[in-house]
Amino acid sequence: QVQLVESGGGLVQPGGSLRLSCAASGSIFRINDMGWYRQAPGKQRELVAAITSGGSTNYADSVKGRFTISRDNAKNTVYLQMNSLKPEDTAVYYCNAYIINIYATRDYWGQGTQVTVSS
């Protein structure tokens, strides 16, 4: 009914940049908060950044000043611009969206995209 499809991950050198995208499709009435989480090997999934439907943002302390989250409500898409990447940013990044439709109101997750920061 609802799909979140991520793109933009890959291998980048320390100090480099990547831009992640996540597009929601399917039966959607409204999308409230959207966000990006990440999970490194052996660690718990953690919030990276979140954005409300009105554009208010929240960031993990570890990425403040380096990452920027944004969204295009007309396209049901959320972005994560990642600059000054560090090896410790290496993880699988997951898109999350709180979506309302005629069937349910709940969180949906993307399949994840790998980001590897290494020289």
N, C-alpha and C. Protein backbone atom coordinates (compact mmCIF):
# COMPACT_ATOMS: atom_id res chain seq x y z
N GLN A 1 0.83 -1.20 0.00
CA GLN A 1 0.00 0.00 0.00
C GLN A 1 0.86 1.25 0.00
N VAL A 2 1.90 1.26 0.82
CA VAL A 2 2.83 2.39 0.89
C VAL A 2 4.24 1.86 0.75
N GLN A 3 5.03 2.53 -0.06
CA GLN A 3 6.44 2.18 -0.22
C GLN A 3 7.31 3.39 -0.01
N LEU A 4 8.44 3.18 0.65
CA LEU A 4 9.48 4.20 0.76
C LEU A 4 10.70 3.65 0.03
N VAL A 5 11.16 4.38 -0.97
CA VAL A 5 12.29 3.92 -1.77
C VAL A 5 13.43 4.92 -1.64
N GLU A 6 14.55 4.43 -1.12
CA GLU A 6 15.73 5.27 -0.89
C GLU A 6 16.72 5.14 -2.05
N SER A 7 17.51 6.18 -2.21
CA SER A 7 18.59 6.15 -3.20
C SER A 7 19.68 7.12 -2.75
N GLY A 8 20.87 6.96 -3.34
CA GLY A 8 21.94 7.92 -3.10
C GLY A 8 23.08 7.44 -2.24
N GLY A 9 23.00 6.26 -1.68
CA GLY A 9 24.10 5.76 -0.87
C GLY A 9 25.29 5.38 -1.73
N GLY A 10 26.39 5.00 -1.05
CA GLY A 10 27.57 4.58 -1.78
C GLY A 10 28.82 4.71 -0.96
N LEU A 11 29.95 4.65 -1.66
CA LEU A 11 31.27 4.75 -1.04
C LEU A 11 31.82 6.14 -1.30
N VAL A 12 32.31 6.79 -0.24
CA VAL A 12 32.86 8.13 -0.36
C VAL A 12 34.07 8.25 0.56
N GLN A 13 35.02 9.09 0.18
CA GLN A 13 36.20 9.31 1.02
C GLN A 13 35.86 10.25 2.17
N PRO A 14 36.62 10.15 3.26
CA PRO A 14 36.42 11.10 4.36
C PRO A 14 36.51 12.54 3.87
N GLY A 15 35.59 13.36 4.36
CA GLY A 15 35.51 14.75 3.92
C GLY A 15 34.59 14.96 2.74
N GLY A 16 34.14 13.88 2.13
CA GLY A 16 33.28 13.97 0.96
C GLY A 16 31.82 14.19 1.31
N SER A 17 30.98 14.18 0.27
CA SER A 17 29.56 14.45 0.43
C SER A 17 28.72 13.39 -0.30
N LEU A 18 27.54 13.19 0.23
CA LEU A 18 26.53 12.35 -0.43
C LEU A 18 25.16 12.97 -0.17
N ARG A 19 24.24 12.70 -1.07
CA ARG A 19 22.86 13.15 -0.88
C ARG A 19 21.94 11.95 -1.00
N LEU A 20 21.21 11.68 0.08
CA LEU A 20 20.24 10.60 0.08
C LEU A 20 18.86 11.15 -0.24
N SER A 21 18.08 10.34 -0.96
CA SER A 21 16.69 10.68 -1.26
C SER A 21 15.79 9.53 -0.85
N CYS A 22 14.57 9.86 -0.48
CA CYS A 22 13.58 8.83 -0.12
C CYS A 22 12.22 9.31 -0.59
N ALA A 23 11.63 8.55 -1.52
CA ALA A 23 10.33 8.91 -2.07
C ALA A 23 9.26 7.95 -1.56
N ALA A 24 8.17 8.52 -1.06
CA ALA A 24 7.03 7.72 -0.60
C ALA A 24 5.99 7.64 -1.71
N SER A 25 5.42 6.46 -1.90
CA SER A 25 4.40 6.29 -2.93
C SER A 25 3.34 5.32 -2.43
N GLY A 26 2.19 5.32 -3.13
CA GLY A 26 1.11 4.42 -2.76
C GLY A 26 -0.06 5.18 -2.21
N SER A 27 -0.79 4.53 -1.32
CA SER A 27 -1.98 5.12 -0.74
C SER A 27 -1.58 6.06 0.40
N ILE A 28 -1.57 7.35 0.09
CA ILE A 28 -1.12 8.35 1.07
C ILE A 28 -2.14 9.48 1.13
N PHE A 29 -2.63 9.75 2.33
CA PHE A 29 -3.48 10.91 2.53
C PHE A 29 -2.64 12.09 3.00
N ARG A 30 -1.81 11.84 3.97
CA ARG A 30 -0.93 12.89 4.47
C ARG A 30 0.30 12.26 5.11
N ILE A 31 1.44 12.95 4.98
CA ILE A 31 2.68 12.53 5.65
C ILE A 31 3.00 13.54 6.72
N ASN A 32 3.14 13.09 7.94
CA ASN A 32 3.55 13.99 9.02
C ASN A 32 5.07 14.03 9.09
N ASP A 33 5.66 13.60 10.18
CA ASP A 33 7.11 13.65 10.30
C ASP A 33 7.80 12.67 9.35
N MET A 34 8.95 13.08 8.84
CA MET A 34 9.82 12.21 8.05
C MET A 34 11.21 12.29 8.67
N GLY A 35 11.99 11.23 8.47
CA GLY A 35 13.31 11.26 9.08
C GLY A 35 14.24 10.22 8.51
N TRP A 36 15.49 10.35 8.94
CA TRP A 36 16.53 9.39 8.58
C TRP A 36 17.12 8.80 9.86
N TYR A 37 17.28 7.49 9.84
CA TYR A 37 17.94 6.76 10.91
C TYR A 37 19.13 6.03 10.30
N ARG A 38 20.03 5.59 11.16
CA ARG A 38 21.14 4.77 10.67
C ARG A 38 21.48 3.69 11.68
N GLN A 39 22.05 2.63 11.14
CA GLN A 39 22.47 1.52 12.00
C GLN A 39 23.81 1.00 11.52
N ALA A 40 24.80 1.12 12.38
CA ALA A 40 26.14 0.60 12.10
C ALA A 40 26.23 -0.82 12.64
N PRO A 41 27.16 -1.62 12.11
CA PRO A 41 27.29 -3.00 12.58
C PRO A 41 27.51 -3.08 14.09
N GLY A 42 26.72 -3.91 14.75
CA GLY A 42 26.86 -4.09 16.18
C GLY A 42 26.27 -3.00 17.03
N LYS A 43 25.61 -2.04 16.40
CA LYS A 43 25.03 -0.91 17.15
C LYS A 43 23.52 -0.84 16.92
N GLN A 44 22.86 -0.13 17.82
CA GLN A 44 21.42 0.07 17.68
C GLN A 44 21.12 1.13 16.62
N ARG A 45 19.94 1.03 16.05
CA ARG A 45 19.50 2.05 15.10
C ARG A 45 19.31 3.37 15.86
N GLU A 46 19.79 4.46 15.25
CA GLU A 46 19.71 5.76 15.90
C GLU A 46 19.15 6.81 14.95
N LEU A 47 18.49 7.80 15.53
CA LEU A 47 17.96 8.91 14.74
C LEU A 47 19.11 9.79 14.27
N VAL A 48 19.10 10.13 12.99
CA VAL A 48 20.08 11.05 12.43
C VAL A 48 19.48 12.45 12.32
N ALA A 49 18.31 12.52 11.68
CA ALA A 49 17.65 13.81 11.49
C ALA A 49 16.17 13.59 11.22
N ALA A 50 15.35 14.56 11.59
CA ALA A 50 13.92 14.47 11.37
C ALA A 50 13.39 15.83 10.95
N ILE A 51 12.26 15.81 10.23
CA ILE A 51 11.66 17.05 9.77
C ILE A 51 10.14 16.91 9.82
N THR A 52 9.47 17.94 10.34
CA THR A 52 8.02 17.91 10.40
C THR A 52 7.43 18.35 9.06
N SER A 53 6.13 18.22 8.92
CA SER A 53 5.49 18.64 7.67
C SER A 53 5.60 20.15 7.48
N GLY A 54 5.79 20.87 8.58
CA GLY A 54 5.95 22.32 8.48
C GLY A 54 7.38 22.77 8.29
N GLY A 55 8.33 21.83 8.32
CA GLY A 55 9.71 22.16 8.04
C GLY A 55 10.61 22.31 9.25
N SER A 56 10.10 22.08 10.45
CA SER A 56 10.97 22.12 11.63
C SER A 56 11.87 20.89 11.63
N THR A 57 13.13 21.10 12.02
CA THR A 57 14.12 20.03 11.93
C THR A 57 14.73 19.71 13.29
N ASN A 58 15.28 18.50 13.38
CA ASN A 58 15.95 18.02 14.58
C ASN A 58 17.10 17.14 14.13
N TYR A 59 18.28 17.31 14.76
CA TYR A 59 19.46 16.55 14.36
C TYR A 59 20.11 15.88 15.55
N ALA A 60 20.74 14.74 15.29
CA ALA A 60 21.62 14.15 16.30
C ALA A 60 22.82 15.06 16.48
N ASP A 61 23.35 15.12 17.70
CA ASP A 61 24.48 16.01 17.96
C ASP A 61 25.67 15.68 17.07
N SER A 62 25.83 14.40 16.75
CA SER A 62 27.00 13.97 15.98
C SER A 62 27.01 14.46 14.54
N VAL A 63 25.86 14.92 14.04
CA VAL A 63 25.79 15.34 12.63
C VAL A 63 25.45 16.83 12.48
N LYS A 64 25.20 17.52 13.58
CA LYS A 64 24.85 18.94 13.50
C LYS A 64 25.95 19.73 12.82
N GLY A 65 25.55 20.58 11.88
CA GLY A 65 26.51 21.39 11.15
C GLY A 65 27.10 20.71 9.93
N ARG A 66 26.85 19.41 9.79
CA ARG A 66 27.39 18.66 8.64
C ARG A 66 26.27 18.12 7.74
N PHE A 67 25.16 17.71 8.35
CA PHE A 67 24.04 17.12 7.60
C PHE A 67 22.87 18.10 7.57
N THR A 68 22.12 18.06 6.47
CA THR A 68 20.92 18.89 6.34
C THR A 68 19.78 18.04 5.80
N ILE A 69 18.67 18.04 6.53
CA ILE A 69 17.48 17.33 6.08
C ILE A 69 16.51 18.33 5.46
N SER A 70 15.85 17.90 4.40
CA SER A 70 14.84 18.75 3.75
C SER A 70 13.77 17.84 3.14
N ARG A 71 12.68 18.43 2.72
CA ARG A 71 11.61 17.63 2.12
C ARG A 71 10.88 18.44 1.07
N ASP A 72 10.29 17.71 0.12
CA ASP A 72 9.45 18.29 -0.91
C ASP A 72 8.08 17.65 -0.73
N ASN A 73 7.16 18.38 -0.12
CA ASN A 73 5.86 17.80 0.19
C ASN A 73 5.07 17.45 -1.07
N ALA A 74 5.28 18.20 -2.13
CA ALA A 74 4.56 17.91 -3.38
C ALA A 74 4.99 16.58 -3.98
N LYS A 75 6.23 16.19 -3.70
CA LYS A 75 6.77 14.94 -4.24
C LYS A 75 6.82 13.83 -3.20
N ASN A 76 6.35 14.10 -1.99
CA ASN A 76 6.40 13.11 -0.90
C ASN A 76 7.81 12.55 -0.74
N THR A 77 8.78 13.44 -0.78
CA THR A 77 10.19 13.04 -0.77
C THR A 77 10.94 13.78 0.32
N VAL A 78 11.84 13.05 0.97
CA VAL A 78 12.73 13.64 1.97
C VAL A 78 14.17 13.41 1.53
N TYR A 79 15.02 14.38 1.83
CA TYR A 79 16.42 14.33 1.42
C TYR A 79 17.32 14.45 2.65
N LEU A 80 18.53 13.94 2.51
CA LEU A 80 19.56 14.14 3.53
C LEU A 80 20.86 14.48 2.82
N GLN A 81 21.25 15.74 2.93
CA GLN A 81 22.53 16.18 2.39
C GLN A 81 23.60 15.97 3.45
N MET A 82 24.59 15.16 3.14
CA MET A 82 25.63 14.81 4.10
C MET A 82 26.97 15.36 3.61
N ASN A 83 27.53 16.29 4.36
CA ASN A 83 28.82 16.89 4.03
C ASN A 83 29.85 16.54 5.10
N SER A 84 31.11 16.74 4.77
CA SER A 84 32.21 16.49 5.71
C SER A 84 32.07 15.11 6.35
N LEU A 85 31.84 14.13 5.54
CA LEU A 85 31.59 12.78 6.05
C LEU A 85 32.82 12.22 6.74
N LYS A 86 32.55 11.44 7.80
CA LYS A 86 33.59 10.81 8.60
C LYS A 86 33.43 9.29 8.56
N PRO A 87 34.49 8.56 8.82
CA PRO A 87 34.35 7.08 8.85
C PRO A 87 33.26 6.61 9.81
N GLU A 88 33.07 7.33 10.89
CA GLU A 88 32.05 6.91 11.87
C GLU A 88 30.62 7.15 11.37
N ASP A 89 30.47 7.78 10.22
CA ASP A 89 29.15 7.92 9.60
C ASP A 89 28.77 6.66 8.80
N THR A 90 29.69 5.74 8.66
CA THR A 90 29.42 4.51 7.93
C THR A 90 28.31 3.72 8.61
N ALA A 91 27.28 3.39 7.83
CA ALA A 91 26.11 2.70 8.37
C ALA A 91 25.13 2.44 7.25
N VAL A 92 24.11 1.65 7.56
CA VAL A 92 22.94 1.57 6.68
C VAL A 92 21.98 2.67 7.11
N TYR A 93 21.57 3.48 6.17
CA TYR A 93 20.66 4.61 6.44
C TYR A 93 19.25 4.23 6.01
N TYR A 94 18.30 4.45 6.93
CA TYR A 94 16.90 4.10 6.70
C TYR A 94 16.03 5.35 6.72
N CYS A 95 15.14 5.42 5.77
CA CYS A 95 14.15 6.48 5.72
C CYS A 95 12.93 6.06 6.54
N ASN A 96 12.33 7.03 7.21
CA ASN A 96 11.13 6.78 8.02
C ASN A 96 10.11 7.86 7.74
N ALA A 97 8.83 7.47 7.71
CA ALA A 97 7.77 8.46 7.51
C ALA A 97 6.53 8.03 8.29
N TYR A 98 5.89 9.00 8.92
CA TYR A 98 4.63 8.74 9.64
C TYR A 98 3.50 9.13 8.71
N ILE A 99 2.80 8.11 8.18
CA ILE A 99 1.87 8.32 7.08
C ILE A 99 0.44 7.99 7.49
N ILE A 100 -0.47 8.83 7.04
CA ILE A 100 -1.90 8.63 7.26
C ILE A 100 -2.54 8.24 5.94
N ASN A 101 -3.27 7.12 5.93
CA ASN A 101 -4.11 6.77 4.78
C ASN A 101 -5.39 6.13 5.27
N ILE A 102 -6.20 5.64 4.37
CA ILE A 102 -7.52 5.13 4.77
C ILE A 102 -7.41 3.82 5.55
N TYR A 103 -6.22 3.20 5.50
CA TYR A 103 -6.07 1.89 6.15
C TYR A 103 -5.48 2.01 7.55
N ALA A 104 -4.58 2.97 7.73
CA ALA A 104 -3.87 3.04 9.00
C ALA A 104 -3.16 4.37 9.13
N THR A 105 -2.72 4.64 10.34
CA THR A 105 -1.83 5.77 10.62
C THR A 105 -0.65 5.19 11.37
N ARG A 106 0.49 5.14 10.71
CA ARG A 106 1.64 4.48 11.35
C ARG A 106 2.93 4.85 10.67
N ASP A 107 4.03 4.37 11.26
CA ASP A 107 5.37 4.53 10.71
C ASP A 107 5.59 3.55 9.56
N TYR A 108 6.27 4.03 8.53
CA TYR A 108 6.74 3.19 7.44
C TYR A 108 8.24 3.37 7.33
N TRP A 109 8.92 2.30 6.85
CA TRP A 109 10.38 2.31 6.73
C TRP A 109 10.79 1.94 5.32
N GLY A 110 11.89 2.54 4.87
CA GLY A 110 12.51 2.14 3.63
C GLY A 110 13.35 0.90 3.84
N GLN A 111 13.94 0.40 2.75
CA GLN A 111 14.70 -0.84 2.81
C GLN A 111 16.14 -0.61 3.27
N GLY A 112 16.57 0.63 3.30
CA GLY A 112 17.92 0.94 3.74
C GLY A 112 18.87 1.12 2.57
N THR A 113 19.82 2.03 2.75
CA THR A 113 20.86 2.25 1.74
C THR A 113 22.21 2.36 2.47
N GLN A 114 23.20 1.68 1.94
CA GLN A 114 24.51 1.62 2.60
C GLN A 114 25.31 2.89 2.28
N VAL A 115 25.86 3.47 3.33
CA VAL A 115 26.81 4.58 3.21
C VAL A 115 28.12 4.13 3.84
N THR A 116 29.18 4.15 3.05
CA THR A 116 30.50 3.76 3.53
C THR A 116 31.47 4.90 3.33
N VAL A 117 32.10 5.34 4.42
CA VAL A 117 33.08 6.43 4.36
C VAL A 117 34.45 5.82 4.66
N SER A 118 35.27 5.79 3.64
CA SER A 118 36.57 5.13 3.78
C SER A 118 37.53 5.64 2.72
N SER A 119 38.80 5.68 3.08
CA SER A 119 39.82 6.06 2.12
C SER A 119 40.41 4.83 1.45
